[in-house]
C-alpha atoms as a PDB file:
ATOM      1  CA  MET A   1       0.217  -0.042  -0.151  1.00  0.00           C
ATOM      2  CA  PHE A   2       2.539   2.374   0.824  1.00  0.00           C
ATOM      3  CA  ALA A   3       6.766   2.224   0.728  1.00  0.00           C
ATOM      4  CA  PRO A   4       8.397   2.733   2.860  1.00  0.00           C
ATOM      5  CA  THR A   5      11.239   5.887   3.091  1.00  0.00           C
ATOM      6  CA  PRO A   6      14.306   4.779   5.833  1.00  0.00           C
ATOM      7  CA  THR A   7      12.933   7.597   8.034  1.00  0.00           C
ATOM      8  CA  SER A   8       9.391   6.783   7.584  1.00  0.00           C
ATOM      9  CA  ASP A   9       8.499   4.681  10.908  1.00  0.00           C
ATOM     10  CA  LEU A  10      10.026   8.298  12.648  1.00  0.00           C
ATOM     11  CA  LEU A  11       6.508  10.037  12.197  1.00  0.00           C
ATOM     12  CA  GLY A  12       4.232   6.715  11.756  1.00  0.00           C
ATOM     13  CA  ASN A  13       5.788   4.713  15.156  1.00  0.00           C
ATOM     14  CA  LEU A  14       4.519   8.511  17.139  1.00  0.00           C
ATOM     15  CA  VAL A  15       1.410   8.867  15.481  1.00  0.00           C
ATOM     16  CA  THR A  16       0.462   5.461  16.990  1.00  0.00           C
ATOM     17  CA  ASP A  17       1.670   6.221  20.104  1.00  0.00           C
ATOM     18  CA  HIS A  18      -0.214   9.874  20.289  1.00  0.00           C
ATOM     19  CA  ALA A  19      -3.270   9.173  18.770  1.00  0.00           C
ATOM     20  CA  THR A  20      -5.773   6.946  20.904  1.00  0.00           C
ATOM     21  CA  PRO A  21      -9.375   6.147  20.780  1.00  0.00           C
ATOM     22  CA  GLY A  22     -11.231   9.630  21.040  1.00  0.00           C
ATOM     23  CA  LEU A  23      -9.007  11.731  20.036  1.00  0.00           C
ATOM     24  CA  ARG A  24      -9.422  14.189  17.371  1.00  0.00           C
ATOM     25  CA  VAL A  25      -6.464  13.812  14.896  1.00  0.00           C
ATOM     26  CA  LEU A  26      -5.820  16.394  11.484  1.00  0.00           C
ATOM     27  CA  ASP A  27      -3.012  14.944   9.106  1.00  0.00           C
ATOM     28  CA  MET A  28      -2.150  17.992   7.525  1.00  0.00           C
ATOM     29  CA  GLY A  29      -0.945  17.900   3.637  1.00  0.00           C
ATOM     30  CA  CYS A  30      -2.518  14.092   4.290  1.00  0.00           C
ATOM     31  CA  GLY A  31      -0.777  13.008   0.421  1.00  0.00           C
ATOM     32  CA  ALA A  32      -2.019   9.400   0.490  1.00  0.00           C
ATOM     33  CA  GLY A  33      -2.597   9.093   4.125  1.00  0.00           C
ATOM     34  CA  ALA A  34      -0.539   7.148   5.351  1.00  0.00           C
ATOM     35  CA  ASN A  35      -0.591   8.736   8.505  1.00  0.00           C
ATOM     36  CA  ALA A  36      -4.366   9.052   8.452  1.00  0.00           C
ATOM     37  CA  ILE A  37      -4.738   5.676   8.930  1.00  0.00           C
ATOM     38  CA  LEU A  38      -2.091   4.674  11.814  1.00  0.00           C
ATOM     39  CA  ALA A  39      -4.200   7.355  13.271  1.00  0.00           C
ATOM     40  CA  ALA A  40      -7.857   5.781  12.871  1.00  0.00           C
ATOM     41  CA  ARG A  41      -6.497   2.411  13.250  1.00  0.00           C
ATOM     42  CA  THR A  42      -6.225   2.996  16.612  1.00  0.00           C
ATOM     43  CA  GLY A  43      -9.784   4.667  16.999  1.00  0.00           C
ATOM     44  CA  ALA A  44      -8.832   8.291  16.418  1.00  0.00           C
ATOM     45  CA  THR A  45     -11.623   9.911  14.361  1.00  0.00           C
ATOM     46  CA  VAL A  46      -9.399  11.490  11.501  1.00  0.00           C
ATOM     47  CA  LEU A  47      -8.925  14.210   9.197  1.00  0.00           C
ATOM     48  CA  GLY A  48      -6.472  14.170   6.185  1.00  0.00           C
ATOM     49  CA  VAL A  49      -6.632  17.833   3.761  1.00  0.00           C
ATOM     50  CA  ASP A  50      -4.533  17.982   1.551  1.00  0.00           C
ATOM     51  CA  VAL A  51      -4.133  21.178  -1.920  1.00  0.00           C
ATOM     52  CA  ASN A  52      -3.952  18.223  -3.760  1.00  0.00           C
ATOM     53  CA  PRO A  53      -7.061  16.699  -5.395  1.00  0.00           C
ATOM     54  CA  ALA A  54      -5.397  13.349  -6.337  1.00  0.00           C
ATOM     55  CA  ALA A  55      -3.873  12.681  -3.386  1.00  0.00           C
ATOM     56  CA  VAL A  56      -6.818  13.540  -0.934  1.00  0.00           C
ATOM     57  CA  GLU A  57      -8.269  10.668  -3.706  1.00  0.00           C
ATOM     58  CA  ALA A  58      -5.392   8.228  -2.999  1.00  0.00           C
ATOM     59  CA  SER A  59      -6.095   9.067   0.679  1.00  0.00           C
ATOM     60  CA  ARG A  60      -9.534   8.078   0.324  1.00  0.00           C
ATOM     61  CA  ALA A  61      -9.034   4.932  -1.490  1.00  0.00           C
ATOM     62  CA  ASN A  62      -6.566   3.860   1.137  1.00  0.00           C
ATOM     63  CA  ALA A  63      -8.492   4.254   4.236  1.00  0.00           C
ATOM     64  CA  ALA A  64     -11.072   2.373   2.257  1.00  0.00           C
ATOM     65  CA  ARG A  65      -8.420  -1.309   1.656  1.00  0.00           C
ATOM     66  CA  SER A  66      -7.452  -0.300   5.436  1.00  0.00           C
ATOM     67  CA  GLY A  67     -10.559  -0.628   6.887  1.00  0.00           C
ATOM     68  CA  VAL A  68     -10.760   2.661   8.656  1.00  0.00           C
ATOM     69  CA  ALA A  69     -12.870   4.571   6.055  1.00  0.00           C
ATOM     70  CA  ASP A  70     -15.524   5.371   8.638  1.00  0.00           C
ATOM     71  CA  GLY A  71     -13.015   6.421  11.518  1.00  0.00           C
ATOM     72  CA  THR A  72     -11.899   9.022   8.382  1.00  0.00           C
ATOM     73  CA  ASP A  73     -12.730  12.539   6.349  1.00  0.00           C
ATOM     74  CA  PHE A  74     -10.667  13.932   3.575  1.00  0.00           C
ATOM     75  CA  ALA A  75     -10.440  17.208   2.080  1.00  0.00           C
ATOM     76  CA  VAL A  76      -9.249  19.098  -0.054  1.00  0.00           C
ATOM     77  CA  SER A  77      -8.284  21.991   1.280  1.00  0.00           C
ATOM     78  CA  ASP A  78      -4.616  24.787   1.389  1.00  0.00           C
ATOM     79  CA  LEU A  79      -3.877  24.540   4.934  1.00  0.00           C
ATOM     80  CA  PHE A  80      -7.033  25.936   6.756  1.00  0.00           C
ATOM     81  CA  ASP A  81      -9.205  27.130   4.640  1.00  0.00           C
ATOM     82  CA  ALA A  82     -11.235  23.970   4.778  1.00  0.00           C
ATOM     83  CA  VAL A  83     -11.407  22.786   8.135  1.00  0.00           C
ATOM     84  CA  GLU A  84     -13.383  24.431  10.844  1.00  0.00           C
ATOM     85  CA  ALA A  85     -12.775  21.648  13.569  1.00  0.00           C
ATOM     86  CA  ASP A  86      -9.964  21.949  16.394  1.00  0.00           C
ATOM     87  CA  PHE A  87      -8.128  19.148  17.603  1.00  0.00           C
ATOM     88  CA  ASP A  88      -6.108  17.275  20.158  1.00  0.00           C
ATOM     89  CA  LEU A  89      -3.346  16.507  17.451  1.00  0.00           C
ATOM     90  CA  VAL A  90      -1.890  17.563  14.503  1.00  0.00           C
ATOM     91  CA  VAL A  91       0.504  15.670  12.137  1.00  0.00           C
ATOM     92  CA  ILE A  92       2.302  18.145   9.516  1.00  0.00           C
ATOM     93  CA  ASP A  93       4.780  16.889   7.004  1.00  0.00           C
ATOM     94  CA  PRO A  94       6.220  19.490   5.046  1.00  0.00           C
ATOM     95  CA  PRO A  95       7.664  21.109   2.245  1.00  0.00           C
ATOM     96  CA  PHE A  96      11.909  21.138   2.885  1.00  0.00           C
ATOM     97  CA  ARG A  97      12.701  22.825   0.330  1.00  0.00           C
ATOM     98  CA  TRP A  98      12.069  27.052  -0.073  1.00  0.00           C
ATOM     99  CA  PHE A  99      11.987  27.255  -3.957  1.00  0.00           C
ATOM    100  CA  SER A 100       8.720  27.512  -5.381  1.00  0.00           C
ATOM    101  CA  PRO A 101       6.987  24.404  -7.096  1.00  0.00           C
ATOM    102  CA  ARG A 102       6.487  23.979 -11.334  1.00  0.00           C
ATOM    103  CA  THR A 103       3.609  21.442 -10.995  1.00  0.00           C
ATOM    104  CA  MET A 104       0.873  20.210  -8.150  1.00  0.00           C
ATOM    105  CA  LEU A 105       3.041  17.501  -7.421  1.00  0.00           C
ATOM    106  CA  GLU A 106       6.301  19.651  -6.460  1.00  0.00           C
ATOM    107  CA  ARG A 107       3.816  21.257  -3.708  1.00  0.00           C
ATOM    108  CA  ALA A 108       4.538  18.446  -1.933  1.00  0.00           C
ATOM    109  CA  PHE A 109       8.406  19.031  -1.455  1.00  0.00           C
ATOM    110  CA  THR A 110       8.593  22.535  -2.437  1.00  0.00           C
ATOM    111  CA  ASP A 111       7.686  25.516  -0.901  1.00  0.00           C
ATOM    112  CA  GLU A 112       8.200  29.023  -1.751  1.00  0.00           C
ATOM    113  CA  ASN A 113      10.560  31.030   0.865  1.00  0.00           C
ATOM    114  CA  TYR A 114       8.011  28.354   3.089  1.00  0.00           C
ATOM    115  CA  ALA A 115       5.021  30.923   3.082  1.00  0.00           C
ATOM    116  CA  THR A 116       3.238  27.752   3.916  1.00  0.00           C
ATOM    117  CA  LEU A 117       5.015  26.603   6.081  1.00  0.00           C
ATOM    118  CA  THR A 118       5.060  29.622   7.728  1.00  0.00           C
ATOM    119  CA  ALA A 119       1.082  30.185   7.711  1.00  0.00           C
ATOM    120  CA  PHE A 120       0.480  26.571   9.080  1.00  0.00           C
ATOM    121  CA  LEU A 121       2.627  27.703  12.322  1.00  0.00           C
ATOM    122  CA  HIS A 122       1.261  30.836  12.731  1.00  0.00           C
ATOM    123  CA  ASP A 123      -2.307  30.024  12.424  1.00  0.00           C
ATOM    124  CA  VAL A 124      -2.170  26.177  14.482  1.00  0.00           C
ATOM    125  CA  PRO A 125      -1.634  27.149  17.880  1.00  0.00           C
ATOM    126  CA  GLY A 126      -5.419  28.713  17.638  1.00  0.00           C
ATOM    127  CA  ARG A 127      -6.466  25.254  15.602  1.00  0.00           C
ATOM    128  CA  LEU A 128      -4.803  22.843  18.992  1.00  0.00           C
ATOM    129  CA  ARG A 129      -7.351  21.480  21.816  1.00  0.00           C
ATOM    130  CA  PRO A 130      -6.410  22.597  25.996  1.00  0.00           C
ATOM    131  CA  GLY A 131      -3.174  20.070  25.910  1.00  0.00           C
ATOM    132  CA  GLY A 132      -3.131  19.226  22.364  1.00  0.00           C
ATOM    133  CA  ALA A 133       0.272  18.803  19.942  1.00  0.00           C
ATOM    134  CA  VAL A 134       1.737  18.874  16.515  1.00  0.00           C
ATOM    135  CA  LEU A 135       3.270  15.815  15.188  1.00  0.00           C
ATOM    136  CA  LEU A 136       6.361  18.174  13.330  1.00  0.00           C
ATOM    137  CA  PHE A 137       8.754  16.614  10.481  1.00  0.00           C
ATOM    138  CA  PHE A 138      11.145  18.470   9.264  1.00  0.00           C
ATOM    139  CA  GLY A 139      15.169  17.590   8.601  1.00  0.00           C
ATOM    140  CA  THR A 140      18.580  19.059   8.106  1.00  0.00           C
ATOM    141  CA  SER A 141      18.340  19.599   4.050  1.00  0.00           C
ATOM    142  CA  GLY A 142      15.649  22.765   5.303  1.00  0.00           C
ATOM    143  CA  ASP A 143      15.998  25.749   6.643  1.00  0.00           C
ATOM    144  CA  VAL A 144      16.285  24.478  10.780  1.00  0.00           C
ATOM    145  CA  GLU A 145      17.011  27.239  12.129  1.00  0.00           C
ATOM    146  CA  TYR A 146      14.319  29.074  10.215  1.00  0.00           C
ATOM    147  CA  LEU A 147      11.502  26.536  11.388  1.00  0.00           C
ATOM    148  CA  ASP A 148      12.356  26.905  14.582  1.00  0.00           C
ATOM    149  CA  GLU A 149      12.696  30.712  14.718  1.00  0.00           C
ATOM    150  CA  ARG A 150       8.691  30.732  13.655  1.00  0.00           C
ATOM    151  CA  ILE A 151       8.258  27.827  15.794  1.00  0.00           C
ATOM    152  CA  SER A 152       9.122  30.079  18.345  1.00  0.00           C
ATOM    153  CA  ALA A 153       7.713  32.761  16.958  1.00  0.00           C
ATOM    154  CA  ASN A 154       4.053  31.632  17.298  1.00  0.00           C
ATOM    155  CA  GLY A 155       4.584  30.235  20.811  1.00  0.00           C
ATOM    156  CA  LEU A 156       5.224  26.736  21.074  1.00  0.00           C
ATOM    157  CA  LEU A 157       7.361  25.313  22.516  1.00  0.00           C
ATOM    158  CA  SER A 158       9.385  22.011  20.370  1.00  0.00           C
ATOM    159  CA  ALA A 159      10.914  19.096  21.690  1.00  0.00           C
ATOM    160  CA  THR A 160      12.583  16.631  19.413  1.00  0.00           C
ATOM    161  CA  VAL A 161      10.786  13.201  20.409  1.00  0.00           C
ATOM    162  CA  ALA A 162      11.983  11.808  17.076  1.00  0.00           C
ATOM    163  CA  GLU A 163      15.303  11.025  14.575  1.00  0.00           C
ATOM    164  CA  ARG A 164      18.141   9.577  12.622  1.00  0.00           C
ATOM    165  CA  THR A 165      20.504  10.446  10.360  1.00  0.00           C
ATOM    166  CA  ILE A 166      20.986   7.840   7.286  1.00  0.00           C
ATOM    167  CA  THR A 167      23.247   9.272   4.545  1.00  0.00           C
ATOM    168  CA  VAL A 168      21.347  10.703   1.124  1.00  0.00           C
ATOM    169  CA  ARG A 169      22.984  11.411  -2.310  1.00  0.00           C
ATOM    170  CA  GLY A 170      26.119  11.104  -0.318  1.00  0.00           C
ATOM    171  CA  GLU A 171      25.252  13.496   1.629  1.00  0.00           C
ATOM    172  CA  LEU A 172      24.625  13.273   6.133  1.00  0.00           C
ATOM    173  CA  THR A 173      20.709  14.703   6.281  1.00  0.00           C
ATOM    174  CA  THR A 174      19.117  14.299  10.666  1.00  0.00           C
ATOM    175  CA  TYR A 175      15.296  13.933   9.797  1.00  0.00           C
ATOM    176  CA  PHE A 176      13.717  14.758  13.752  1.00  0.00           C
ATOM    177  CA  VAL A 177       9.556  15.116  14.531  1.00  0.00           C
ATOM    178  CA  ARG A 178       9.360  17.934  16.582  1.00  0.00           C
ATOM    179  CA  ARG A 179       6.581  17.655  19.070  1.00  0.00           C
ATOM    180  CA  LEU A 180       4.903  21.431  19.291  1.00  0.00           C
ATOM    181  CA  THR A 181       3.140  22.647  22.175  1.00  0.00           C
ATOM    182  CA  ILE A 182       1.216  25.957  23.423  1.00  0.00           C
ATOM    183  CA  SER A 183       3.607  27.261  26.140  1.00  0.00           C
END
């Protein structure tokens, strides 16, 4: 169903650990729906959103194949545009590259000047329920200093809860998951 990467378990395991029955979970930029499905398997109620309509359709199909269609909903949304609720857990694997996407597919891994990441970090505190958290996946191939500045500027506390260093195209890259909470 899903092709794992050398780091996909970092976020996936944390989603499984943090999502519990009764929690409301948002998978922001859900792609093919892997994290939404993992959360739904725990009994959480899940909304997955993505700017790409093809990704939303793939998520719906994968949730149905995985037997969790009843616990999931998916919508086309640019960040929170089509999202009306608040959440106990928000999961995001944002684009690391800061240049302009040329196609809808490239929006999955490029974010011109980190405009989407910046807007997400600004808006997400208002979408968290009391005690809620964000699980954010990122890597040192992106601008970690900028990420940390935006986290702090938006009143979020950050703790690295998982990380792994691997060799990518001959370069060492560290991928990590930050757990963000409201300060």
